[in-house]
Protein backbone atom coordinates (compact mmCIF):
# COMPACT_ATOMS: atom_id res chain seq x y z
CA MET A 1 -13.32 -21.38 3.98
CA LEU A 2 -12.75 -18.74 1.32
CA PHE A 3 -14.82 -15.59 1.63
CA GLY A 4 -15.26 -13.38 -1.42
CA ILE A 5 -16.42 -9.91 -0.42
CA ALA A 6 -17.90 -7.55 -3.00
CA GLY A 7 -19.96 -4.39 -3.05
CA PRO A 8 -19.97 -0.78 -4.14
CA THR A 9 -17.82 1.96 -2.62
CA ALA A 10 -18.31 2.52 1.13
CA SER A 11 -20.94 -0.20 1.49
CA GLY A 12 -19.23 -1.86 4.47
CA LYS A 13 -16.91 -4.42 2.83
CA THR A 14 -13.95 -3.60 5.05
CA THR A 15 -16.10 -3.72 8.17
CA VAL A 16 -17.30 -7.23 7.27
CA THR A 17 -13.70 -8.22 6.48
CA GLU A 18 -12.64 -6.95 9.91
CA VAL A 19 -15.34 -9.09 11.55
CA LEU A 20 -14.15 -12.19 9.69
CA THR A 21 -10.49 -11.54 10.46
CA GLY A 22 -11.10 -10.54 14.07
CA GLU A 23 -13.71 -13.10 15.06
CA TYR A 24 -12.55 -16.04 12.96
CA GLY A 25 -8.85 -15.39 12.46
CA ALA A 26 -9.15 -15.24 8.68
CA ALA A 27 -6.25 -13.89 6.64
CA TYR A 28 -7.26 -11.26 4.11
CA MET A 29 -6.30 -9.77 0.80
CA ARG A 30 -7.64 -6.67 -0.94
CA TYR A 31 -7.54 -5.88 -4.60
CA SER A 32 -6.97 -2.24 -3.68
CA GLU A 33 -3.76 -3.12 -1.81
CA ILE A 34 -2.19 -4.42 -5.02
CA LEU A 35 -3.25 -1.27 -6.84
CA ALA A 36 -1.97 0.91 -3.98
CA ASP A 37 1.43 -0.80 -4.15
CA ILE A 38 1.65 -0.10 -7.88
CA ALA A 39 0.48 3.49 -7.38
CA THR A 40 3.16 4.04 -4.73
CA LYS A 41 5.86 2.71 -7.05
CA HIS A 42 4.70 5.22 -9.67
CA ARG A 43 4.57 8.03 -7.10
CA LEU A 44 0.81 8.34 -7.34
CA ASP A 45 -1.54 8.95 -4.40
CA ALA A 46 -2.23 5.41 -3.23
CA THR A 47 -5.03 6.62 -0.94
CA ASP A 48 -7.07 8.29 -3.70
CA LYS A 49 -9.89 6.09 -5.02
CA THR A 50 -10.05 7.80 -8.42
CA THR A 51 -6.30 7.31 -8.87
CA LEU A 52 -6.62 3.60 -8.09
CA GLN A 53 -9.65 3.21 -10.36
CA ASN A 54 -7.89 4.90 -13.27
CA LEU A 55 -4.73 2.88 -12.66
CA PHE A 56 -6.78 -0.31 -12.76
CA VAL A 57 -8.49 0.69 -16.03
CA THR A 58 -5.16 1.61 -17.64
CA LEU A 59 -3.48 -1.61 -16.55
CA ARG A 60 -6.52 -3.65 -17.60
CA GLU A 61 -6.16 -2.21 -21.10
CA GLU A 62 -2.43 -3.02 -21.12
CA ARG A 63 -2.44 -6.42 -19.38
CA GLY A 64 -5.89 -7.85 -20.04
CA GLU A 65 -9.19 -8.10 -18.19
CA ASP A 66 -7.96 -10.71 -15.75
CA TRP A 67 -4.52 -9.33 -14.80
CA LEU A 68 -5.52 -8.24 -11.28
CA ALA A 69 -7.53 -11.41 -10.69
CA LYS A 70 -4.48 -13.49 -11.66
CA GLU A 71 -2.33 -11.55 -9.19
CA ILE A 72 -4.86 -12.12 -6.40
CA ALA A 73 -5.07 -15.82 -7.27
CA ALA A 74 -1.28 -16.26 -7.17
CA ARG A 75 -1.04 -14.53 -3.80
CA ALA A 76 -4.03 -16.39 -2.35
CA LYS A 77 -2.77 -19.81 -3.36
CA ALA A 78 0.48 -19.10 -1.54
CA LEU A 79 -1.27 -18.40 1.80
CA ALA A 80 -1.62 -21.28 4.24
CA ALA A 81 -4.26 -19.66 6.48
CA PRO A 82 -7.26 -21.88 7.28
CA HIS A 83 -9.69 -19.09 6.31
CA LEU A 84 -9.12 -16.39 3.72
CA VAL A 85 -11.06 -13.25 2.83
CA ILE A 86 -10.59 -11.70 -0.60
CA GLU A 87 -12.13 -8.25 -0.48
CA GLY A 88 -12.94 -5.85 -3.27
CA ASN A 89 -14.21 -8.17 -5.98
CA ARG A 90 -15.66 -5.98 -8.72
CA ARG A 91 -15.48 -7.91 -12.00
CA LYS A 92 -17.11 -11.02 -13.46
CA VAL A 93 -13.63 -12.50 -13.85
CA ASP A 94 -13.22 -12.19 -10.06
CA LEU A 95 -16.00 -14.76 -9.59
CA LYS A 96 -14.05 -17.32 -11.61
CA THR A 97 -10.90 -16.44 -9.69
CA LEU A 98 -12.65 -16.98 -6.35
CA THR A 99 -13.91 -20.37 -7.50
CA ASP A 100 -10.46 -21.35 -8.79
CA VAL A 101 -8.77 -20.26 -5.54
CA ALA A 102 -11.34 -22.12 -3.40
CA ASN A 103 -10.82 -25.26 -5.48
CA ALA A 104 -7.01 -24.95 -5.33
CA ARG A 105 -7.22 -24.58 -1.55
CA GLY A 106 -9.76 -27.43 -1.26
CA GLU A 107 -12.25 -25.09 0.41
CA LYS A 108 -15.80 -23.92 0.08
CA LEU A 109 -16.48 -20.42 -1.22
CA MET A 110 -18.86 -18.08 0.53
CA PHE A 111 -19.60 -15.06 -1.66
CA ILE A 112 -20.89 -12.06 0.29
CA PHE A 113 -22.13 -8.89 -1.37
CA ILE A 114 -22.32 -5.89 0.94
CA ASP A 115 -24.73 -3.18 -0.15
CA ALA A 116 -26.11 0.15 1.02
CA SER A 117 -28.00 3.01 -0.55
CA PRO A 118 -26.07 5.67 -2.48
CA ASP A 119 -26.97 8.22 0.22
CA THR A 120 -25.52 6.08 3.00
CA ARG A 121 -22.41 5.29 0.99
CA PHE A 122 -21.87 8.96 0.11
CA ILE A 123 -21.95 9.89 3.81
CA ARG A 124 -19.61 7.02 4.72
CA TYR A 125 -17.19 7.87 1.93
CA ASN A 126 -16.92 11.48 3.05
CA GLY A 127 -16.44 10.32 6.63
CA ARG A 128 -13.55 8.17 5.44
CA LEU A 129 -12.03 11.15 3.61
CA GLU A 130 -12.32 13.31 6.72
CA ARG A 131 -10.60 10.63 8.84
CA GLN A 132 -7.77 10.68 6.29
CA GLY A 133 -7.53 14.46 6.60
CA LYS A 134 -8.89 14.99 3.10
CA THR A 135 -11.60 17.32 1.87
CA PRO A 136 -15.03 15.74 1.45
CA ILE A 137 -16.38 15.50 -2.09
CA THR A 138 -19.69 16.64 -3.56
CA ARG A 139 -22.56 14.32 -4.37
CA GLU A 140 -21.84 14.89 -8.07
CA ALA A 141 -18.20 13.87 -7.61
CA PHE A 142 -19.32 10.74 -5.78
CA THR A 143 -21.65 9.87 -8.66
CA VAL A 144 -18.75 10.27 -11.10
CA LEU A 145 -16.60 8.04 -8.88
CA GLU A 146 -19.28 5.36 -9.00
CA GLN A 147 -19.56 5.60 -12.78
CA ASN A 148 -15.85 4.96 -13.35
CA PRO A 149 -15.27 2.02 -15.74
CA ALA A 150 -13.57 0.16 -12.87
CA GLU A 151 -17.00 -0.09 -11.23
CA ASP A 152 -19.06 -1.12 -14.27
CA GLU A 153 -19.64 -4.77 -13.27
CA VAL A 154 -20.60 -4.30 -9.62
CA ASP A 155 -24.27 -4.89 -10.47
CA VAL A 156 -23.35 -8.26 -12.04
CA LEU A 157 -21.85 -9.32 -8.71
CA ARG A 158 -24.89 -8.03 -6.83
CA LYS A 159 -27.15 -10.23 -9.00
CA TYR A 160 -24.78 -13.19 -8.64
CA SER A 161 -24.96 -12.93 -4.83
CA GLN A 162 -28.73 -13.18 -4.87
CA THR A 163 -28.60 -16.74 -6.24
CA ASN A 164 -25.07 -17.91 -5.39
CA GLY A 165 -24.16 -16.14 -2.20
CA VAL A 166 -25.40 -13.74 0.42
CA CYS A 167 -26.37 -10.10 0.11
CA ILE A 168 -26.23 -7.97 3.26
CA ASP A 169 -27.79 -4.52 3.12
CA THR A 170 -26.00 -2.36 5.67
CA ASP A 171 -28.82 0.19 5.52
CA THR A 172 -31.01 -2.49 7.07
CA TYR A 173 -28.46 -4.05 9.43
CA ASN A 174 -26.07 -2.17 11.69
CA ILE A 175 -22.64 -3.62 12.49
CA GLU A 176 -23.85 -5.67 15.47
CA GLU A 177 -26.76 -7.10 13.48
CA THR A 178 -24.41 -7.81 10.58
CA LYS A 179 -22.12 -9.71 12.96
CA VAL A 180 -25.07 -11.82 14.09
CA LEU A 181 -26.02 -12.53 10.46
CA LEU A 182 -22.46 -13.62 9.72
CA GLU A 183 -22.30 -15.79 12.84
CA ASN A 184 -25.57 -17.49 11.91
CA MET A 185 -24.38 -18.10 8.34
CA LEU A 186 -21.09 -19.52 9.57
CA LYS A 187 -22.81 -21.81 12.10
CA LYS A 188 -24.85 -23.29 9.26
CA ILE A 189 -21.69 -24.26 7.43
CA ALA A 190 -19.93 -25.31 10.65
CA LEU A 191 -16.95 -22.97 10.38
């Protein structure tokens, strides 16, 4: 099974990925890891979201809309794990990539969009910064972060999930309830 995980900043994507990798032994890949590797090579702060967003936008202009999706696809096709999670899908082109990777692996695709309110995500994001030893940001700075061009197609993926996947609102479901939702979904497809 191939799991495509999408959602806005600090919605709970990594938490869901951890459930799938921990409970079901899925391998995982993150778009942000590729960007972080490139940032590190260029001596940029690989832990700073704005840096990664801006790097993505710059490289997208240089290499084309699908450059990062192609990199994910190449890496995913090389993995032999029985289950794979690709986290951090943010673009329409990522949907095609997920479908192509699932087909190449001979697997089904389960697309999961993780969502939460801006207030919840703002609190979570600042909690993440504090755990990294960084200074929390203002609400205005968080709004700017969310309006970065790297994030401009997240709503397209949200809408896609409503008809072609699953949308989990982590304001409504805590982590234990989310685990139960995932377990029930996976039982239906006999994972």
